[in-house]
Amino acid sequence: MQQRKRIQIPIPREAQLKYMQNKRQMKDIETFQVTALLTLLSPYCGFVLEYPRKQTIVTATLPLVQSLVFPNETINLGELAENVCRPAFELNLKKGMKRDSAIRRYEKNRRTFIHNFLFDILLEKSYFFNSKLSRKTMKTFRFERIETIFFEQKPILNFEEMIILGKNAMSFFANSFNEERSIYIDQNNTTLLSLHPLFNTTCSLHN
């Protein structure tokens, strides 16, 4: 039986560039969303952040959240994410997936797991989110894309304000690293509290 040939339809260059731009923009949004959630968590816990060895040029580099330090408990979030995501990574390698592709999928799953963990903790702290799940796929975890953030049923941040908060927090984290790869951000950090919407009442949704 003659094997059927796969026909590849060329994708226009303009469409490729638009796809890559949208993909990078979405990754930036996800990064700033995580740093915004960390800011909201600041009154409840400190956290240990690690700067990734591999840094990106075209998108914002998200610090790795290694642990959350509450007054009576420390959650090793990096280890927890590793334990959840590593088996799928090893299974993909056994199935013959290229190592680079398997690593990219593992890193995306790890980022999403940590984001969703922060999301769930804030739900326990009287926060609520209007959000949409990312496209369903069997390959990676689904990411909650936030549109509005509420506290005690009152809106405190819209999407644009969340992104601004995330960018400002990201700048603070990046400047805090200096030459160190790992840093501890203390609970109730004064810089993060100055950005926090419950302590900074300049957000439009307060008016």
N, C-alpha and C. Protein backbone atom coordinates (compact mmCIF):
# COMPACT_ATOMS: atom_id res chain seq x y z
N MET A 1 0.85 -1.20 0.00
CA MET A 1 0.00 0.00 0.00
C MET A 1 0.88 1.25 0.00
N GLN A 2 0.62 2.13 -0.94
CA GLN A 2 1.44 3.32 -1.06
C GLN A 2 1.13 4.32 0.05
N GLN A 3 2.19 4.81 0.69
CA GLN A 3 2.03 5.76 1.79
C GLN A 3 1.62 7.13 1.25
N ARG A 4 0.63 7.71 1.90
CA ARG A 4 0.15 9.02 1.48
C ARG A 4 1.14 10.10 1.91
N LYS A 5 1.37 11.04 1.01
CA LYS A 5 2.28 12.13 1.32
C LYS A 5 1.51 13.27 2.00
N ARG A 6 2.14 13.81 3.02
CA ARG A 6 1.54 14.95 3.71
C ARG A 6 1.83 16.22 2.91
N ILE A 7 0.77 16.95 2.63
CA ILE A 7 0.91 18.20 1.87
C ILE A 7 1.03 19.36 2.85
N GLN A 8 2.11 20.11 2.75
CA GLN A 8 2.32 21.26 3.61
C GLN A 8 1.94 22.54 2.87
N ILE A 9 1.02 23.27 3.47
CA ILE A 9 0.59 24.53 2.89
C ILE A 9 1.41 25.65 3.51
N PRO A 10 2.15 26.41 2.70
CA PRO A 10 2.99 27.48 3.26
C PRO A 10 2.16 28.57 3.93
N ILE A 11 2.63 29.01 5.10
CA ILE A 11 1.95 30.08 5.83
C ILE A 11 2.59 31.41 5.46
N PRO A 12 1.79 32.39 5.06
CA PRO A 12 2.36 33.69 4.69
C PRO A 12 3.21 34.27 5.81
N ARG A 13 4.29 34.95 5.41
CA ARG A 13 5.22 35.54 6.37
C ARG A 13 4.52 36.49 7.33
N GLU A 14 3.59 37.27 6.81
CA GLU A 14 2.87 38.24 7.64
C GLU A 14 2.06 37.54 8.72
N ALA A 15 1.43 36.42 8.36
CA ALA A 15 0.64 35.66 9.33
C ALA A 15 1.55 35.04 10.39
N GLN A 16 2.73 34.58 9.99
CA GLN A 16 3.68 34.02 10.95
C GLN A 16 4.12 35.07 11.97
N LEU A 17 4.44 36.27 11.48
CA LEU A 17 4.88 37.35 12.36
C LEU A 17 3.78 37.75 13.34
N LYS A 18 2.54 37.81 12.85
CA LYS A 18 1.42 38.17 13.71
C LYS A 18 1.21 37.12 14.79
N TYR A 19 1.34 35.84 14.41
CA TYR A 19 1.19 34.75 15.37
C TYR A 19 2.25 34.85 16.46
N MET A 20 3.52 35.09 16.07
CA MET A 20 4.61 35.18 17.03
C MET A 20 4.43 36.39 17.95
N GLN A 21 3.96 37.49 17.38
CA GLN A 21 3.74 38.69 18.19
C GLN A 21 2.65 38.45 19.23
N ASN A 22 1.56 37.81 18.82
CA ASN A 22 0.47 37.50 19.75
C ASN A 22 0.93 36.54 20.83
N LYS A 23 1.76 35.57 20.45
CA LYS A 23 2.26 34.59 21.40
C LYS A 23 3.15 35.25 22.45
N ARG A 24 4.02 36.16 22.00
CA ARG A 24 4.90 36.87 22.93
C ARG A 24 4.10 37.78 23.85
N GLN A 25 3.10 38.45 23.27
CA GLN A 25 2.26 39.34 24.07
C GLN A 25 1.52 38.56 25.14
N MET A 26 1.00 37.37 24.79
CA MET A 26 0.29 36.56 25.76
C MET A 26 1.21 36.08 26.87
N LYS A 27 2.46 35.74 26.51
CA LYS A 27 3.42 35.30 27.53
C LYS A 27 3.74 36.43 28.49
N ASP A 28 3.86 37.66 27.96
CA ASP A 28 4.10 38.82 28.82
C ASP A 28 2.93 39.04 29.78
N ILE A 29 1.72 38.91 29.26
CA ILE A 29 0.53 39.08 30.10
C ILE A 29 0.53 38.06 31.23
N GLU A 30 0.86 36.81 30.91
CA GLU A 30 0.90 35.77 31.93
C GLU A 30 1.96 36.08 32.98
N THR A 31 3.11 36.60 32.54
CA THR A 31 4.19 36.97 33.47
C THR A 31 3.74 38.07 34.42
N PHE A 32 3.15 39.13 33.88
CA PHE A 32 2.72 40.25 34.72
C PHE A 32 1.55 39.86 35.62
N GLN A 33 0.77 38.90 35.18
CA GLN A 33 -0.33 38.41 36.01
C GLN A 33 0.22 37.71 37.24
N VAL A 34 1.27 36.90 37.07
CA VAL A 34 1.88 36.21 38.20
C VAL A 34 2.48 37.21 39.19
N THR A 35 3.22 38.21 38.69
CA THR A 35 3.84 39.18 39.59
C THR A 35 2.78 40.05 40.29
N ALA A 36 1.64 40.27 39.63
CA ALA A 36 0.53 40.98 40.28
C ALA A 36 -0.03 40.13 41.43
N LEU A 37 -0.19 38.83 41.20
CA LEU A 37 -0.71 37.95 42.25
C LEU A 37 0.25 37.89 43.43
N LEU A 38 1.55 37.88 43.16
CA LEU A 38 2.53 37.89 44.25
C LEU A 38 2.39 39.17 45.08
N THR A 39 2.13 40.29 44.43
CA THR A 39 1.93 41.55 45.15
C THR A 39 0.72 41.45 46.07
N LEU A 40 -0.36 40.86 45.57
CA LEU A 40 -1.57 40.71 46.39
C LEU A 40 -1.33 39.79 47.58
N LEU A 41 -0.38 38.87 47.44
CA LEU A 41 -0.07 37.93 48.53
C LEU A 41 0.86 38.52 49.57
N SER A 42 1.48 39.65 49.27
CA SER A 42 2.50 40.22 50.16
C SER A 42 2.04 40.43 51.61
N PRO A 43 0.79 40.85 51.87
CA PRO A 43 0.37 41.01 53.27
C PRO A 43 0.29 39.69 54.04
N TYR A 44 0.26 38.58 53.34
CA TYR A 44 0.07 37.28 53.99
C TYR A 44 1.35 36.47 54.13
N CYS A 45 2.31 36.69 53.25
CA CYS A 45 3.52 35.86 53.27
C CYS A 45 4.69 36.55 52.58
N GLY A 46 5.89 36.08 52.90
CA GLY A 46 7.06 36.44 52.12
C GLY A 46 7.28 35.36 51.07
N PHE A 47 8.23 35.57 50.17
CA PHE A 47 8.50 34.53 49.18
C PHE A 47 9.95 34.58 48.71
N VAL A 48 10.43 33.41 48.34
CA VAL A 48 11.77 33.27 47.80
C VAL A 48 11.66 33.19 46.28
N LEU A 49 12.37 34.06 45.59
CA LEU A 49 12.37 34.09 44.12
C LEU A 49 13.76 33.74 43.62
N GLU A 50 13.79 33.06 42.50
CA GLU A 50 15.07 32.71 41.87
C GLU A 50 15.05 33.19 40.43
N TYR A 51 16.14 33.83 40.02
CA TYR A 51 16.23 34.30 38.64
C TYR A 51 16.61 33.14 37.75
N PRO A 52 15.85 32.86 36.69
CA PRO A 52 16.16 31.71 35.84
C PRO A 52 17.49 31.86 35.13
N ARG A 53 18.19 30.75 34.96
CA ARG A 53 19.47 30.77 34.25
C ARG A 53 19.28 31.22 32.81
N LYS A 54 18.22 30.72 32.19
CA LYS A 54 17.92 31.08 30.81
C LYS A 54 16.98 32.27 30.80
N GLN A 55 17.45 33.40 30.27
CA GLN A 55 16.65 34.62 30.24
C GLN A 55 16.22 34.93 28.81
N THR A 56 15.02 35.47 28.69
CA THR A 56 14.49 35.80 27.37
C THR A 56 14.78 37.26 27.04
N ILE A 57 14.87 37.55 25.75
CA ILE A 57 15.12 38.91 25.29
C ILE A 57 13.84 39.55 24.79
N VAL A 58 13.01 38.77 24.09
CA VAL A 58 11.82 39.34 23.45
C VAL A 58 10.61 39.36 24.37
N THR A 59 10.65 38.62 25.50
CA THR A 59 9.54 38.64 26.45
C THR A 59 10.08 38.89 27.85
N ALA A 60 9.19 39.29 28.77
CA ALA A 60 9.59 39.54 30.15
C ALA A 60 10.00 38.23 30.82
N THR A 61 11.09 38.28 31.58
CA THR A 61 11.59 37.09 32.26
C THR A 61 10.94 36.96 33.63
N LEU A 62 10.18 35.90 33.83
CA LEU A 62 9.48 35.69 35.09
C LEU A 62 10.39 35.03 36.11
N PRO A 63 10.59 35.65 37.30
CA PRO A 63 11.36 34.97 38.34
C PRO A 63 10.66 33.68 38.76
N LEU A 64 11.44 32.68 39.12
CA LEU A 64 10.88 31.41 39.57
C LEU A 64 10.49 31.53 41.04
N VAL A 65 9.25 31.21 41.36
CA VAL A 65 8.78 31.25 42.75
C VAL A 65 9.17 29.93 43.41
N GLN A 66 10.14 29.98 44.32
CA GLN A 66 10.63 28.76 44.95
C GLN A 66 9.85 28.40 46.20
N SER A 67 9.47 29.39 47.01
CA SER A 67 8.73 29.08 48.23
C SER A 67 7.90 30.27 48.69
N LEU A 68 6.83 29.97 49.41
CA LEU A 68 5.98 30.97 50.06
C LEU A 68 6.18 30.81 51.56
N VAL A 69 6.54 31.89 52.23
CA VAL A 69 6.88 31.82 53.66
C VAL A 69 5.79 32.52 54.47
N PHE A 70 4.85 31.72 55.00
CA PHE A 70 3.80 32.23 55.88
C PHE A 70 4.31 32.23 57.32
N PRO A 71 3.66 32.97 58.23
CA PRO A 71 4.13 33.02 59.62
C PRO A 71 4.27 31.65 60.27
N ASN A 72 3.36 30.72 59.95
CA ASN A 72 3.39 29.41 60.60
C ASN A 72 3.66 28.25 59.64
N GLU A 73 4.03 28.57 58.42
CA GLU A 73 4.21 27.50 57.42
C GLU A 73 5.02 28.02 56.24
N THR A 74 5.87 27.16 55.71
CA THR A 74 6.59 27.46 54.48
C THR A 74 6.21 26.42 53.43
N ILE A 75 5.75 26.89 52.29
CA ILE A 75 5.36 26.00 51.19
C ILE A 75 6.47 26.01 50.15
N ASN A 76 7.09 24.87 49.95
CA ASN A 76 8.14 24.75 48.93
C ASN A 76 7.48 24.58 47.58
N LEU A 77 7.13 25.70 46.98
CA LEU A 77 6.33 25.67 45.76
C LEU A 77 7.13 25.16 44.57
N GLY A 78 8.43 25.46 44.54
CA GLY A 78 9.27 24.97 43.45
C GLY A 78 9.33 23.46 43.43
N GLU A 79 9.51 22.86 44.61
CA GLU A 79 9.57 21.40 44.71
C GLU A 79 8.22 20.78 44.39
N LEU A 80 7.15 21.41 44.85
CA LEU A 80 5.80 20.91 44.58
C LEU A 80 5.52 20.92 43.08
N ALA A 81 5.88 22.01 42.41
CA ALA A 81 5.68 22.10 40.96
C ALA A 81 6.52 21.05 40.23
N GLU A 82 7.73 20.84 40.70
CA GLU A 82 8.61 19.83 40.11
C GLU A 82 8.00 18.44 40.21
N ASN A 83 7.47 18.10 41.39
CA ASN A 83 6.88 16.78 41.61
C ASN A 83 5.65 16.55 40.73
N VAL A 84 4.90 17.62 40.48
CA VAL A 84 3.69 17.50 39.66
C VAL A 84 4.02 17.42 38.17
N CYS A 85 4.99 18.21 37.73
CA CYS A 85 5.26 18.36 36.29
C CYS A 85 6.33 17.42 35.74
N ARG A 86 7.24 16.95 36.59
CA ARG A 86 8.34 16.11 36.12
C ARG A 86 7.89 14.80 35.48
N PRO A 87 6.90 14.06 36.04
CA PRO A 87 6.50 12.79 35.42
C PRO A 87 6.07 12.94 33.96
N ALA A 88 5.31 13.98 33.65
CA ALA A 88 4.86 14.19 32.26
C ALA A 88 6.05 14.49 31.36
N PHE A 89 7.02 15.24 31.88
CA PHE A 89 8.23 15.55 31.12
C PHE A 89 8.98 14.27 30.76
N GLU A 90 9.17 13.40 31.74
CA GLU A 90 9.90 12.15 31.50
C GLU A 90 9.13 11.23 30.56
N LEU A 91 7.79 11.23 30.68
CA LEU A 91 6.97 10.42 29.79
C LEU A 91 7.08 10.91 28.35
N ASN A 92 7.10 12.22 28.15
CA ASN A 92 7.24 12.78 26.81
C ASN A 92 8.57 12.37 26.18
N LEU A 93 9.63 12.35 26.97
CA LEU A 93 10.94 11.92 26.46
C LEU A 93 10.91 10.45 26.06
N LYS A 94 10.25 9.62 26.87
CA LYS A 94 10.15 8.19 26.56
C LYS A 94 9.37 7.96 25.27
N LYS A 95 8.40 8.84 25.00
CA LYS A 95 7.58 8.71 23.79
C LYS A 95 8.31 9.20 22.55
N GLY A 96 9.52 9.75 22.75
CA GLY A 96 10.31 10.18 21.60
C GLY A 96 10.25 11.66 21.29
N MET A 97 9.63 12.44 22.16
CA MET A 97 9.59 13.88 21.92
C MET A 97 11.00 14.47 22.00
N LYS A 98 11.29 15.43 21.15
CA LYS A 98 12.59 16.10 21.21
C LYS A 98 12.75 16.77 22.57
N ARG A 99 13.97 16.71 23.10
CA ARG A 99 14.22 17.20 24.45
C ARG A 99 13.86 18.69 24.59
N ASP A 100 14.22 19.50 23.59
CA ASP A 100 13.91 20.93 23.66
C ASP A 100 12.41 21.17 23.75
N SER A 101 11.64 20.40 22.97
CA SER A 101 10.18 20.54 23.00
C SER A 101 9.62 20.10 24.35
N ALA A 102 10.17 19.01 24.89
CA ALA A 102 9.71 18.50 26.18
C ALA A 102 10.02 19.50 27.29
N ILE A 103 11.19 20.14 27.22
CA ILE A 103 11.57 21.14 28.22
C ILE A 103 10.64 22.35 28.16
N ARG A 104 10.33 22.81 26.95
CA ARG A 104 9.42 23.96 26.80
C ARG A 104 8.05 23.65 27.38
N ARG A 105 7.56 22.43 27.12
CA ARG A 105 6.25 22.05 27.65
C ARG A 105 6.30 21.93 29.17
N TYR A 106 7.40 21.37 29.69
CA TYR A 106 7.57 21.25 31.14
C TYR A 106 7.59 22.62 31.80
N GLU A 107 8.34 23.55 31.23
CA GLU A 107 8.46 24.89 31.82
C GLU A 107 7.13 25.63 31.79
N LYS A 108 6.37 25.45 30.71
CA LYS A 108 5.06 26.09 30.62
C LYS A 108 4.12 25.51 31.67
N ASN A 109 4.13 24.18 31.83
CA ASN A 109 3.30 23.54 32.85
C ASN A 109 3.69 24.00 34.25
N ARG A 110 4.99 24.15 34.47
CA ARG A 110 5.47 24.58 35.78
C ARG A 110 5.00 26.00 36.09
N ARG A 111 5.13 26.89 35.11
CA ARG A 111 4.67 28.27 35.31
C ARG A 111 3.17 28.32 35.58
N THR A 112 2.41 27.53 34.82
CA THR A 112 0.96 27.53 34.98
C THR A 112 0.56 26.95 36.32
N PHE A 113 1.23 25.87 36.75
CA PHE A 113 0.92 25.27 38.04
C PHE A 113 1.13 26.28 39.16
N ILE A 114 2.26 26.99 39.14
CA ILE A 114 2.56 27.97 40.18
C ILE A 114 1.55 29.11 40.15
N HIS A 115 1.22 29.61 38.95
CA HIS A 115 0.21 30.66 38.84
C HIS A 115 -1.10 30.22 39.44
N ASN A 116 -1.57 29.03 39.07
CA ASN A 116 -2.86 28.55 39.56
C ASN A 116 -2.84 28.32 41.07
N PHE A 117 -1.66 27.96 41.61
CA PHE A 117 -1.52 27.78 43.06
C PHE A 117 -1.70 29.13 43.76
N LEU A 118 -1.05 30.17 43.25
CA LEU A 118 -1.20 31.52 43.83
C LEU A 118 -2.65 31.98 43.73
N PHE A 119 -3.25 31.71 42.59
CA PHE A 119 -4.66 32.04 42.32
C PHE A 119 -5.55 31.41 43.39
N ASP A 120 -5.34 30.12 43.67
CA ASP A 120 -6.17 29.39 44.64
C ASP A 120 -5.97 29.91 46.06
N ILE A 121 -4.74 30.27 46.42
CA ILE A 121 -4.50 30.81 47.76
C ILE A 121 -5.26 32.12 47.95
N LEU A 122 -5.24 32.97 46.94
CA LEU A 122 -5.94 34.25 47.05
C LEU A 122 -7.45 34.06 47.13
N LEU A 123 -7.97 33.01 46.52
CA LEU A 123 -9.40 32.71 46.66
C LEU A 123 -9.75 32.45 48.12
N GLU A 124 -8.81 31.88 48.87
CA GLU A 124 -9.02 31.61 50.29
C GLU A 124 -8.89 32.88 51.14
N LYS A 125 -8.37 33.95 50.55
CA LYS A 125 -8.15 35.20 51.28
C LYS A 125 -9.19 36.27 50.90
N SER A 126 -10.36 35.83 50.48
CA SER A 126 -11.49 36.72 50.14
C SER A 126 -11.34 37.43 48.80
N TYR A 127 -10.41 36.94 47.96
CA TYR A 127 -10.31 37.48 46.60
C TYR A 127 -11.21 36.66 45.67
N PHE A 128 -11.60 37.30 44.58
CA PHE A 128 -12.40 36.63 43.56
C PHE A 128 -11.96 37.19 42.21
N PHE A 129 -12.06 36.37 41.16
CA PHE A 129 -11.55 36.77 39.85
C PHE A 129 -12.58 36.51 38.76
N ASN A 130 -12.78 37.49 37.90
CA ASN A 130 -13.42 37.23 36.61
C ASN A 130 -12.31 36.77 35.68
N SER A 131 -12.40 35.55 35.20
CA SER A 131 -11.30 35.02 34.40
C SER A 131 -11.82 34.04 33.37
N LYS A 132 -10.96 33.77 32.39
CA LYS A 132 -11.26 32.78 31.36
C LYS A 132 -10.11 31.79 31.29
N LEU A 133 -10.45 30.52 31.17
CA LEU A 133 -9.41 29.50 31.01
C LEU A 133 -8.82 29.56 29.61
N SER A 134 -7.54 29.33 29.51
CA SER A 134 -6.89 29.26 28.20
C SER A 134 -7.43 28.08 27.41
N ARG A 135 -7.11 28.06 26.13
CA ARG A 135 -7.61 27.02 25.23
C ARG A 135 -7.31 25.62 25.77
N LYS A 136 -8.32 24.75 25.74
CA LYS A 136 -8.15 23.40 26.26
C LYS A 136 -7.22 22.60 25.36
N THR A 137 -6.26 21.93 25.97
CA THR A 137 -5.31 21.11 25.24
C THR A 137 -4.89 19.94 26.12
N MET A 138 -4.54 18.84 25.49
CA MET A 138 -4.05 17.67 26.23
C MET A 138 -2.57 17.80 26.55
N LYS A 139 -1.92 18.84 26.01
CA LYS A 139 -0.47 18.95 26.13
C LYS A 139 -0.02 19.69 27.39
N THR A 140 -0.73 20.75 27.76
CA THR A 140 -0.30 21.57 28.88
C THR A 140 -1.48 21.92 29.79
N PHE A 141 -1.16 22.38 31.02
CA PHE A 141 -2.18 22.83 31.95
C PHE A 141 -2.87 24.08 31.41
N ARG A 142 -4.08 24.33 31.90
CA ARG A 142 -4.83 25.50 31.44
C ARG A 142 -4.60 26.68 32.39
N PHE A 143 -4.38 27.83 31.80
CA PHE A 143 -4.04 29.05 32.53
C PHE A 143 -5.29 29.91 32.72
N GLU A 144 -5.51 30.43 33.94
CA GLU A 144 -6.63 31.33 34.21
C GLU A 144 -6.25 32.75 33.79
N ARG A 145 -6.88 33.27 32.75
CA ARG A 145 -6.58 34.62 32.29
C ARG A 145 -7.55 35.61 32.94
N ILE A 146 -7.00 36.43 33.81
CA ILE A 146 -7.80 37.30 34.67
C ILE A 146 -8.24 38.56 33.92
N GLU A 147 -9.50 38.94 34.10
CA GLU A 147 -10.03 40.17 33.51
C GLU A 147 -10.32 41.24 34.57
N THR A 148 -10.82 40.81 35.74
CA THR A 148 -11.10 41.73 36.85
C THR A 148 -10.78 41.02 38.16
N ILE A 149 -10.24 41.78 39.12
CA ILE A 149 -9.94 41.22 40.44
C ILE A 149 -10.83 41.89 41.47
N PHE A 150 -11.43 41.07 42.34
CA PHE A 150 -12.31 41.56 43.40
C PHE A 150 -11.72 41.20 44.77
N PHE A 151 -12.04 42.03 45.76
CA PHE A 151 -11.73 41.68 47.15
C PHE A 151 -12.99 41.91 47.97
N GLU A 152 -13.41 40.86 48.67
CA GLU A 152 -14.66 40.91 49.43
C GLU A 152 -15.81 41.42 48.56
N GLN A 153 -15.86 40.88 47.35
CA GLN A 153 -16.92 41.13 46.36
C GLN A 153 -16.88 42.54 45.76
N LYS A 154 -15.86 43.32 46.07
CA LYS A 154 -15.73 44.66 45.49
C LYS A 154 -14.60 44.66 44.47
N PRO A 155 -14.83 45.23 43.27
CA PRO A 155 -13.76 45.27 42.26
C PRO A 155 -12.62 46.18 42.70
N ILE A 156 -11.39 45.71 42.56
CA ILE A 156 -10.24 46.52 42.95
C ILE A 156 -9.26 46.74 41.80
N LEU A 157 -9.27 45.86 40.80
CA LEU A 157 -8.37 46.01 39.65
C LEU A 157 -9.04 45.54 38.38
N ASN A 158 -9.00 46.35 37.34
CA ASN A 158 -9.41 45.85 36.03
C ASN A 158 -8.17 45.29 35.32
N PHE A 159 -8.35 44.84 34.10
CA PHE A 159 -7.24 44.17 33.40
C PHE A 159 -6.04 45.09 33.22
N GLU A 160 -6.29 46.31 32.74
CA GLU A 160 -5.19 47.24 32.49
C GLU A 160 -4.43 47.56 33.77
N GLU A 161 -5.16 47.76 34.87
CA GLU A 161 -4.51 48.07 36.15
C GLU A 161 -3.72 46.88 36.67
N MET A 162 -4.23 45.68 36.44
CA MET A 162 -3.50 44.48 36.85
C MET A 162 -2.16 44.39 36.11
N ILE A 163 -2.18 44.69 34.80
CA ILE A 163 -0.94 44.63 34.01
C ILE A 163 0.05 45.68 34.49
N ILE A 164 -0.43 46.89 34.79
CA ILE A 164 0.46 47.94 35.30
C ILE A 164 1.06 47.51 36.64
N LEU A 165 0.21 46.96 37.51
CA LEU A 165 0.70 46.46 38.80
C LEU A 165 1.77 45.39 38.59
N GLY A 166 1.50 44.45 37.69
CA GLY A 166 2.45 43.38 37.41
C GLY A 166 3.77 43.90 36.87
N LYS A 167 3.71 44.90 35.97
CA LYS A 167 4.94 45.48 35.41
C LYS A 167 5.76 46.17 36.49
N ASN A 168 5.09 46.93 37.36
CA ASN A 168 5.80 47.63 38.43
C ASN A 168 6.43 46.65 39.42
N ALA A 169 5.68 45.59 39.75
CA ALA A 169 6.23 44.57 40.64
C ALA A 169 7.41 43.86 39.99
N MET A 170 7.28 43.61 38.69
CA MET A 170 8.35 42.95 37.94
C MET A 170 9.63 43.79 37.98
N SER A 171 9.50 45.10 37.81
CA SER A 171 10.66 45.99 37.86
C SER A 171 11.31 45.95 39.24
N PHE A 172 10.48 45.93 40.28
CA PHE A 172 11.00 45.86 41.65
C PHE A 172 11.77 44.56 41.87
N PHE A 173 11.19 43.44 41.43
CA PHE A 173 11.87 42.15 41.59
C PHE A 173 13.20 42.14 40.84
N ALA A 174 13.18 42.61 39.60
CA ALA A 174 14.39 42.61 38.77
C ALA A 174 15.50 43.44 39.41
N ASN A 175 15.14 44.61 39.96
CA ASN A 175 16.13 45.47 40.60
C ASN A 175 16.63 44.90 41.92
N SER A 176 15.84 44.04 42.54
CA SER A 176 16.22 43.46 43.83
C SER A 176 17.27 42.38 43.70
N PHE A 177 17.38 41.78 42.51
CA PHE A 177 18.30 40.66 42.35
C PHE A 177 19.76 41.10 42.40
N ASN A 178 20.09 42.24 41.78
CA ASN A 178 21.49 42.67 41.67
C ASN A 178 22.32 41.54 41.08
N GLU A 179 23.30 41.05 41.84
CA GLU A 179 24.16 39.96 41.36
C GLU A 179 23.71 38.60 41.88
N GLU A 180 22.69 38.58 42.72
CA GLU A 180 22.24 37.33 43.34
C GLU A 180 21.22 36.63 42.45
N ARG A 181 21.23 35.29 42.53
CA ARG A 181 20.27 34.51 41.74
C ARG A 181 19.02 34.21 42.55
N SER A 182 19.12 34.29 43.88
CA SER A 182 17.98 33.98 44.73
C SER A 182 17.80 35.09 45.76
N ILE A 183 16.57 35.55 45.95
CA ILE A 183 16.30 36.61 46.92
C ILE A 183 15.07 36.26 47.75
N TYR A 184 14.99 36.86 48.93
CA TYR A 184 13.81 36.72 49.78
C TYR A 184 13.10 38.06 49.85
N ILE A 185 11.83 38.08 49.49
CA ILE A 185 10.99 39.27 49.60
C ILE A 185 10.14 39.10 50.86
N ASP A 186 10.33 39.99 51.82
CA ASP A 186 9.69 39.82 53.12
C ASP A 186 8.19 40.09 53.06
N GLN A 187 7.47 39.50 54.01
CA GLN A 187 6.04 39.75 54.13
C GLN A 187 5.80 41.23 54.41
N ASN A 188 4.74 41.78 53.86
CA ASN A 188 4.43 43.20 54.01
C ASN A 188 5.57 44.10 53.53
N ASN A 189 6.20 43.68 52.45
CA ASN A 189 7.28 44.48 51.88
C ASN A 189 6.75 45.88 51.54
N THR A 190 7.47 46.91 51.96
CA THR A 190 6.97 48.28 51.82
C THR A 190 6.76 48.69 50.37
N THR A 191 7.65 48.25 49.48
CA THR A 191 7.49 48.60 48.06
C THR A 191 6.25 47.95 47.47
N LEU A 192 6.05 46.67 47.78
CA LEU A 192 4.87 45.97 47.25
C LEU A 192 3.59 46.53 47.85
N LEU A 193 3.62 46.90 49.13
CA LEU A 193 2.42 47.49 49.73
C LEU A 193 2.08 48.83 49.09
N SER A 194 3.09 49.57 48.65
CA SER A 194 2.83 50.85 47.98
C SER A 194 2.17 50.64 46.62
N LEU A 195 2.31 49.43 46.06
CA LEU A 195 1.68 49.10 44.78
C LEU A 195 0.34 48.41 44.97
N HIS A 196 0.12 47.85 46.15
CA HIS A 196 -1.05 47.02 46.44
C HIS A 196 -2.34 47.85 46.35
N PRO A 197 -3.35 47.39 45.60
CA PRO A 197 -4.57 48.20 45.40
C PRO A 197 -5.35 48.46 46.68
N LEU A 198 -5.21 47.62 47.70
CA LEU A 198 -5.94 47.85 48.95
C LEU A 198 -5.25 48.89 49.83
N PHE A 199 -3.99 49.19 49.51
CA PHE A 199 -3.25 50.21 50.26
C PHE A 199 -3.02 51.46 49.41
N ASN A 200 -3.09 51.29 48.09
CA ASN A 200 -2.94 52.40 47.16
C ASN A 200 -4.29 52.63 46.49
N THR A 201 -4.98 53.69 46.85
CA THR A 201 -6.38 53.89 46.41
C THR A 201 -6.50 54.73 45.15
N THR A 202 -5.45 54.77 44.33
CA THR A 202 -5.51 55.56 43.09
C THR A 202 -6.13 54.78 41.93
N CYS A 203 -6.38 53.48 42.12
CA CYS A 203 -6.96 52.68 41.03
C CYS A 203 -8.35 53.20 40.67
N SER A 204 -8.67 53.19 39.39
CA SER A 204 -9.92 53.79 38.92
C SER A 204 -11.15 53.09 39.48
N LEU A 205 -11.06 51.80 39.77
CA LEU A 205 -12.23 51.07 40.25
C LEU A 205 -12.59 51.44 41.68
N HIS A 206 -11.71 52.17 42.37
CA HIS A 206 -12.05 52.65 43.70
C HIS A 206 -12.95 53.88 43.63
N ASN A 207 -12.92 54.55 42.49
CA ASN A 207 -13.59 55.85 42.39
C ASN A 207 -15.06 55.70 42.01
